[in-house]
Amino acid sequence: MNDEQMAERTLRLEEKVAYLERHVTAQDKVMLELSDTLARVRAELKMMRERAGDGGASGGSGRDDGGELRDERPPHY
């Protein structure tokens, strides 16, 4: 290989590395956003499970004998 071919090959490799570095940086940003979203969803789910376990305003468990949540009428009925 002559110097011109080596220079062209080196340039292409440098371009690929730069592209991959930019891509990894973008992926890291998205992963951090997803991690934050997942933490919020987990906190909301925990809060909803606690509410369901408390039975809300009715004071009951909110569950039927089978362990599933039962349908209840809203308080205005």
Protein backbone atom coordinates (compact mmCIF):
# COMPACT_ATOMS: atom_id res chain seq x y z
CA MET A 1 0.00 0.00 0.00
CA ASN A 2 1.24 3.44 -0.82
CA ASP A 3 1.01 6.49 1.44
CA GLU A 4 -2.11 7.84 -0.28
CA GLN A 5 -4.03 4.59 0.21
CA MET A 6 -2.93 4.38 3.85
CA ALA A 7 -4.03 7.96 4.45
CA GLU A 8 -7.45 7.28 2.87
CA ARG A 9 -7.88 4.10 4.91
CA THR A 10 -6.88 5.90 8.11
CA LEU A 11 -9.35 8.69 7.36
CA ARG A 12 -12.20 6.20 6.84
CA LEU A 13 -11.36 4.43 10.09
CA GLU A 14 -11.27 7.73 11.98
CA GLU A 15 -14.67 8.66 10.53
CA LYS A 16 -16.11 5.31 11.64
CA VAL A 17 -14.70 5.72 15.15
CA ALA A 18 -16.14 9.24 15.40
CA TYR A 19 -19.55 7.98 14.26
CA LEU A 20 -19.49 5.11 16.77
CA GLU A 21 -18.46 7.44 19.61
CA ARG A 22 -21.36 9.77 18.79
CA HIS A 23 -23.72 6.80 18.60
CA VAL A 24 -22.59 5.45 21.99
CA THR A 25 -23.03 8.90 23.55
CA ALA A 26 -26.59 9.10 22.18
CA GLN A 27 -27.36 5.61 23.47
CA ASP A 28 -26.04 6.53 26.92
CA LYS A 29 -28.34 9.55 27.00
CA VAL A 30 -31.37 7.45 26.04
CA MET A 31 -30.48 4.78 28.61
CA LEU A 32 -30.32 7.42 31.36
CA GLU A 33 -33.72 8.79 30.31
CA LEU A 34 -35.20 5.27 30.30
CA SER A 35 -33.70 4.59 33.72
CA ASP A 36 -35.31 7.75 35.13
CA THR A 37 -38.64 6.86 33.54
CA LEU A 38 -38.48 3.33 34.94
CA ALA A 39 -37.76 4.66 38.43
CA ARG A 40 -40.80 6.97 38.22
CA VAL A 41 -43.04 4.16 36.94
CA ARG A 42 -41.87 1.85 39.74
CA ALA A 43 -42.59 4.54 42.34
CA GLU A 44 -46.07 5.11 40.88
CA LEU A 45 -46.75 1.37 40.79
CA LYS A 46 -45.67 1.01 44.41
CA MET A 47 -47.97 3.88 45.39
CA MET A 48 -50.89 2.32 43.48
CA ARG A 49 -50.29 -1.07 45.10
CA GLU A 50 -50.26 0.56 48.52
CA ARG A 51 -53.53 2.33 47.77
CA ALA A 52 -55.11 -0.88 46.53
CA GLY A 53 -53.93 -2.68 49.65
CA ASP A 54 -55.34 0.04 51.90
CA GLY A 55 -58.74 -0.16 50.22
CA GLY A 56 -58.91 3.58 49.68
CA ALA A 57 -61.66 5.42 51.57
CA SER A 58 -63.75 2.30 52.23
CA GLY A 59 -61.29 0.94 54.78
CA GLY A 60 -61.49 -2.60 53.32
CA SER A 61 -58.85 -4.52 51.51
CA GLY A 62 -60.47 -3.95 48.13
CA ARG A 63 -59.97 -7.62 47.30
CA ASP A 64 -62.36 -10.52 46.92
CA ASP A 65 -61.70 -13.96 48.41
CA GLY A 66 -59.68 -14.98 45.34
CA GLY A 67 -57.07 -12.27 45.98
CA GLU A 68 -58.13 -10.14 43.02
CA LEU A 69 -59.31 -6.57 43.21
CA ARG A 70 -63.10 -6.37 43.20
CA ASP A 71 -65.10 -3.82 41.26
CA GLU A 72 -66.58 -1.21 43.57
CA ARG A 73 -69.00 1.56 42.89
CA PRO A 74 -67.62 5.07 43.06
CA PRO A 75 -68.50 6.94 46.29
CA HIS A 76 -71.14 9.16 44.62
CA TYR A 77 -73.53 6.20 44.05
